[in-house]
Amino acid sequence: MSDASRGYPIESVERALRILLMLRDQPSVRVTDVSQALGVSRSTAHRLLATLACHGFVSQDRLTKAYRAGRVFIEVGLATVGDLDVRRKARQHLVELSAEVRETVNLLVLEGAGSRFIDGVESDRVLRVSLRTGTLLPASTTSGGRALLAELSSAEVRALYQDGLPRLTAHTITDFATLDRELALVRRRGYAVNRGESEADLSAVAVAVRDRMGRAVAALAISSLASRMGADQLPALVDAARRCAARIEADLA
């Protein structure tokens, strides 16, 4: 076997791994994105993505044609946190909370400057927010992420976003002064909100989940269509989230 024939598979593996790393840092990629990032032709990028899709590491959206992290990729990532008490002990409480409020609920942890969705239960309503388990989004754009960023000082938050605050929608906060005020509000009232800042027409409310030492180890979020989370509905959802967080904390003690 020649050096070239031995090297090609290794080069393909490296390219495939680079694609997975791209999906670690962003919600989706297109063939053009992969082609440009890897410096390969569109046909090669398509072949790499098709191979990853065949094995479940990525999946393609039928409408946008973009590729997202697939079932296998998510399962591999979550296997590393599968034994964490907070995820294991929160599971049944997530199920009960979703049934109570009939909305999608998520459990998130802070991962660098991002909020990682580590578990969730989808609403039983026809119109609902889909699960994002495994997804990493900028913590500054999600209610769960803000509930956890509020535990940090302003200087610590700015250190996480040395390249500035990312924008996901027209409503996303992108300046530190506004984010500082928002996080101060989270600290005062004990919950965080997201109104169309991570995704248009999506609203969410979140509270921190604390361990026996009082440290915020995760965030519990309720996500809904914006039309179902107005000022009238918010107090009841906040109360339900707080009661659920308290039950999880009792199991963590």
Protein backbone atom coordinates (compact mmCIF):
# COMPACT_ATOMS: atom_id res chain seq x y z
CA MET A 1 0.00 0.00 0.00
CA SER A 2 1.42 3.39 -0.99
CA ASP A 3 1.87 6.30 1.40
CA ALA A 4 -0.82 8.18 -0.51
CA SER A 5 -3.37 5.40 -0.13
CA ARG A 6 -2.55 5.10 3.58
CA GLY A 7 -2.81 8.85 4.10
CA TYR A 8 -6.13 9.44 2.34
CA PRO A 9 -8.35 7.70 4.90
CA ILE A 10 -6.57 9.55 7.71
CA GLU A 11 -7.12 12.85 5.91
CA SER A 12 -10.82 12.01 5.50
CA VAL A 13 -11.10 11.20 9.19
CA GLU A 14 -9.48 14.51 10.09
CA ARG A 15 -11.92 16.37 7.86
CA ALA A 16 -14.87 14.53 9.38
CA LEU A 17 -13.68 15.42 12.86
CA ARG A 18 -13.34 19.07 11.87
CA ILE A 19 -16.96 19.03 10.71
CA LEU A 20 -18.05 17.67 14.09
CA LEU A 21 -16.06 20.41 15.80
CA MET A 22 -17.88 22.96 13.66
CA LEU A 23 -21.18 21.55 14.92
CA ARG A 24 -19.91 21.80 18.47
CA ASP A 25 -19.64 25.57 18.06
CA GLN A 26 -22.62 26.35 15.84
CA PRO A 27 -26.14 24.92 15.48
CA SER A 28 -25.90 23.95 11.82
CA VAL A 29 -23.64 23.95 8.76
CA ARG A 30 -24.21 23.89 5.02
CA VAL A 31 -22.20 22.21 2.30
CA THR A 32 -20.77 25.62 1.35
CA ASP A 33 -19.68 26.27 4.96
CA VAL A 34 -17.85 22.94 5.13
CA SER A 35 -16.28 23.44 1.71
CA GLN A 36 -14.88 26.84 2.70
CA ALA A 37 -13.79 25.84 6.21
CA LEU A 38 -11.97 22.70 5.06
CA GLY A 39 -10.69 24.08 1.77
CA VAL A 40 -12.25 21.27 -0.26
CA SER A 41 -14.63 21.10 -3.20
CA ARG A 42 -18.40 21.14 -2.68
CA SER A 43 -18.60 17.55 -3.89
CA THR A 44 -16.04 16.45 -1.28
CA ALA A 45 -17.85 18.39 1.45
CA HIS A 46 -21.13 16.80 0.41
CA ARG A 47 -19.59 13.33 0.45
CA LEU A 48 -18.17 13.86 3.95
CA LEU A 49 -21.52 15.10 5.28
CA ALA A 50 -23.38 12.24 3.60
CA THR A 51 -21.04 9.73 5.24
CA LEU A 52 -21.53 11.32 8.67
CA ALA A 53 -25.29 11.35 8.10
CA CYS A 54 -25.25 7.68 7.15
CA HIS A 55 -23.76 6.84 10.55
CA GLY A 56 -26.04 9.18 12.51
CA PHE A 57 -23.44 11.80 13.41
CA VAL A 58 -25.29 14.53 11.51
CA SER A 59 -28.81 14.94 10.17
CA GLN A 60 -30.08 17.12 7.34
CA ASP A 61 -33.03 19.46 7.65
CA ARG A 62 -35.44 18.65 4.83
CA LEU A 63 -36.44 22.28 4.33
CA THR A 64 -33.22 24.27 4.79
CA LYS A 65 -30.88 21.46 3.68
CA ALA A 66 -28.53 22.48 6.49
CA TYR A 67 -26.87 19.80 8.63
CA ARG A 68 -27.23 19.59 12.41
CA ALA A 69 -25.73 17.36 15.06
CA GLY A 70 -27.27 13.92 14.67
CA ARG A 71 -28.57 11.38 17.16
CA VAL A 72 -25.28 9.49 17.53
CA PHE A 73 -23.21 12.66 17.96
CA ILE A 74 -25.59 13.91 20.66
CA GLU A 75 -25.63 10.56 22.43
CA VAL A 76 -21.82 10.42 22.49
CA GLY A 77 -21.64 13.92 23.95
CA LEU A 78 -24.30 13.30 26.56
CA ALA A 79 -22.66 10.05 27.60
CA THR A 80 -19.98 12.19 29.26
CA VAL A 81 -22.60 13.83 31.49
CA GLY A 82 -24.91 10.86 31.79
CA ASP A 83 -23.79 10.11 35.34
CA LEU A 84 -24.07 13.64 36.63
CA ASP A 85 -26.51 13.72 39.53
CA VAL A 86 -28.29 16.79 38.26
CA ARG A 87 -29.25 15.21 34.93
CA ARG A 88 -30.15 11.82 36.36
CA LYS A 89 -32.09 13.16 39.32
CA ALA A 90 -33.85 15.90 37.37
CA ARG A 91 -35.32 13.61 34.72
CA GLN A 92 -38.59 12.63 36.40
CA HIS A 93 -39.11 16.18 37.61
CA LEU A 94 -38.76 17.44 34.02
CA VAL A 95 -41.42 14.97 32.92
CA GLU A 96 -43.78 16.12 35.66
CA LEU A 97 -43.18 19.82 34.99
CA SER A 98 -43.84 19.43 31.27
CA ALA A 99 -47.09 17.61 32.02
CA GLU A 100 -48.10 20.33 34.49
CA VAL A 101 -47.51 23.34 32.24
CA ARG A 102 -47.95 21.52 28.91
CA GLU A 103 -44.87 23.21 27.51
CA THR A 104 -41.39 22.02 26.56
CA VAL A 105 -38.92 22.06 29.44
CA ASN A 106 -35.13 21.89 29.25
CA LEU A 107 -32.20 21.37 31.58
CA LEU A 108 -29.09 23.39 30.71
CA VAL A 109 -25.55 23.77 32.00
CA LEU A 110 -22.99 26.49 31.36
CA GLU A 111 -20.24 25.38 28.97
CA GLY A 112 -17.75 28.18 28.43
CA ALA A 113 -19.69 31.02 26.85
CA GLY A 114 -22.47 28.66 25.83
CA SER A 115 -25.49 27.01 27.37
CA ARG A 116 -25.63 23.28 26.67
CA PHE A 117 -29.05 21.61 26.60
CA ILE A 118 -28.40 18.33 28.43
CA ASP A 119 -31.95 17.02 28.78
CA GLY A 120 -35.53 17.97 28.08
CA VAL A 121 -39.13 16.89 27.70
CA GLU A 122 -41.23 18.07 24.77
CA SER A 123 -44.71 19.51 25.14
CA ASP A 124 -47.67 17.36 24.09
CA ARG A 125 -49.32 20.28 22.26
CA VAL A 126 -49.59 20.29 18.47
CA LEU A 127 -47.84 23.67 18.29
CA ARG A 128 -44.80 23.39 20.53
CA VAL A 129 -41.12 24.16 20.89
CA SER A 130 -39.01 21.20 19.79
CA LEU A 131 -36.32 19.65 21.96
CA ARG A 132 -32.75 20.91 21.67
CA THR A 133 -30.98 18.28 23.72
CA GLY A 134 -27.29 18.32 22.89
CA THR A 135 -27.41 21.80 21.34
CA LEU A 136 -24.97 24.50 22.43
CA LEU A 137 -26.20 28.10 22.11
CA PRO A 138 -24.62 31.35 23.31
CA ALA A 139 -25.53 31.62 26.99
CA SER A 140 -26.30 35.31 26.59
CA THR A 141 -29.19 34.48 24.22
CA THR A 142 -31.06 31.87 26.26
CA SER A 143 -33.03 32.16 29.48
CA GLY A 144 -31.19 29.20 31.02
CA GLY A 145 -27.85 30.66 30.02
CA ARG A 146 -28.70 33.99 31.60
CA ALA A 147 -29.85 32.33 34.80
CA LEU A 148 -26.34 30.88 35.03
CA LEU A 149 -24.45 33.95 33.78
CA ALA A 150 -26.17 35.92 36.56
CA GLU A 151 -24.06 33.91 39.00
CA LEU A 152 -20.91 35.55 37.56
CA SER A 153 -19.55 39.06 37.91
CA SER A 154 -19.73 41.52 35.03
CA ALA A 155 -15.99 41.13 34.47
CA GLU A 156 -16.30 37.34 34.32
CA VAL A 157 -19.11 37.57 31.78
CA ARG A 158 -17.14 39.96 29.57
CA ALA A 159 -14.13 37.64 29.72
CA LEU A 160 -16.29 34.89 28.22
CA TYR A 161 -17.20 37.07 25.24
CA GLN A 162 -13.94 38.71 24.28
CA ASP A 163 -15.09 38.90 20.65
CA GLY A 164 -18.39 40.52 21.58
CA LEU A 165 -21.90 39.24 22.15
CA PRO A 166 -23.27 37.07 19.30
CA ARG A 167 -26.52 37.96 17.55
CA LEU A 168 -29.02 35.21 16.68
CA THR A 169 -32.14 37.28 16.00
CA ALA A 170 -33.15 40.91 15.65
CA HIS A 171 -34.04 40.92 19.36
CA THR A 172 -30.76 39.54 20.70
CA ILE A 173 -28.90 41.73 23.19
CA THR A 174 -25.52 42.55 21.67
CA ASP A 175 -24.07 45.21 23.99
CA PHE A 176 -22.61 44.54 27.42
CA ALA A 177 -24.31 47.48 29.16
CA THR A 178 -27.75 46.11 28.30
CA LEU A 179 -26.72 42.56 29.23
CA ASP A 180 -25.35 43.82 32.57
CA ARG A 181 -28.73 45.42 33.34
CA GLU A 182 -30.56 42.26 32.31
CA LEU A 183 -28.39 40.04 34.51
CA ALA A 184 -28.83 42.43 37.44
CA LEU A 185 -32.58 42.05 36.96
CA VAL A 186 -32.20 38.25 36.94
CA ARG A 187 -30.37 38.42 40.27
CA ARG A 188 -33.09 40.61 41.83
CA ARG A 189 -36.13 38.64 40.74
CA GLY A 190 -34.59 35.15 40.68
CA TYR A 191 -35.48 34.14 37.13
CA ALA A 192 -34.42 34.91 33.57
CA VAL A 193 -36.45 35.40 30.41
CA ASN A 194 -35.80 35.13 26.69
CA ARG A 195 -38.19 36.80 24.30
CA GLY A 196 -37.29 35.90 20.75
CA GLU A 197 -33.55 36.33 21.33
CA SER A 198 -32.37 32.81 20.48
CA GLU A 199 -35.11 32.10 17.95
CA ALA A 200 -37.90 34.27 16.58
CA ASP A 201 -41.36 33.74 18.12
CA LEU A 202 -39.90 31.66 20.98
CA SER A 203 -40.10 32.75 24.61
CA ALA A 204 -38.65 31.05 27.65
CA VAL A 205 -38.26 31.50 31.39
CA ALA A 206 -35.59 29.84 33.53
CA VAL A 207 -34.44 29.46 37.11
CA ALA A 208 -31.18 28.16 38.52
CA VAL A 209 -30.89 24.72 40.10
CA ARG A 210 -28.48 24.69 43.05
CA ASP A 211 -26.50 22.00 44.82
CA ARG A 212 -26.27 21.56 48.59
CA MET A 213 -23.61 24.28 48.74
CA GLY A 214 -25.89 26.78 47.04
CA ARG A 215 -23.95 26.74 43.78
CA ALA A 216 -25.90 26.96 40.52
CA VAL A 217 -25.13 23.68 38.75
CA ALA A 218 -27.82 23.87 36.06
CA ALA A 219 -30.77 25.89 34.85
CA LEU A 220 -34.35 24.73 34.39
CA ALA A 221 -36.17 26.41 31.49
CA ILE A 222 -39.73 26.39 30.19
CA SER A 223 -39.97 27.20 26.48
CA SER A 224 -43.10 28.15 24.56
CA LEU A 225 -44.48 30.07 21.63
CA ALA A 226 -44.30 33.79 22.34
CA SER A 227 -48.09 34.02 22.14
CA ARG A 228 -48.42 31.62 25.11
CA MET A 229 -45.94 33.38 27.39
CA GLY A 230 -47.26 36.86 27.90
CA ALA A 231 -47.26 38.92 31.07
CA ASP A 232 -50.39 37.15 32.31
CA GLN A 233 -48.94 33.64 31.94
CA LEU A 234 -45.43 34.38 33.19
CA PRO A 235 -46.04 34.37 36.99
CA ALA A 236 -47.61 30.90 36.95
CA LEU A 237 -44.79 29.50 34.80
CA VAL A 238 -42.13 31.05 37.05
CA ASP A 239 -43.84 29.56 40.11
CA ALA A 240 -44.00 26.11 38.47
CA ALA A 241 -40.32 26.30 37.49
CA ARG A 242 -39.30 27.31 41.00
CA ARG A 243 -41.23 24.48 42.60
CA CYS A 244 -39.69 21.99 40.18
CA ALA A 245 -36.18 23.36 40.82
CA ALA A 246 -36.77 23.00 44.56
CA ARG A 247 -37.72 19.34 44.12
CA ILE A 248 -34.58 18.68 42.08
CA GLU A 249 -32.46 20.44 44.69
CA ALA A 250 -34.01 18.31 47.44
CA ASP A 251 -32.98 15.18 45.53
CA LEU A 252 -29.46 16.57 45.06
CA ALA A 253 -29.03 17.23 48.78
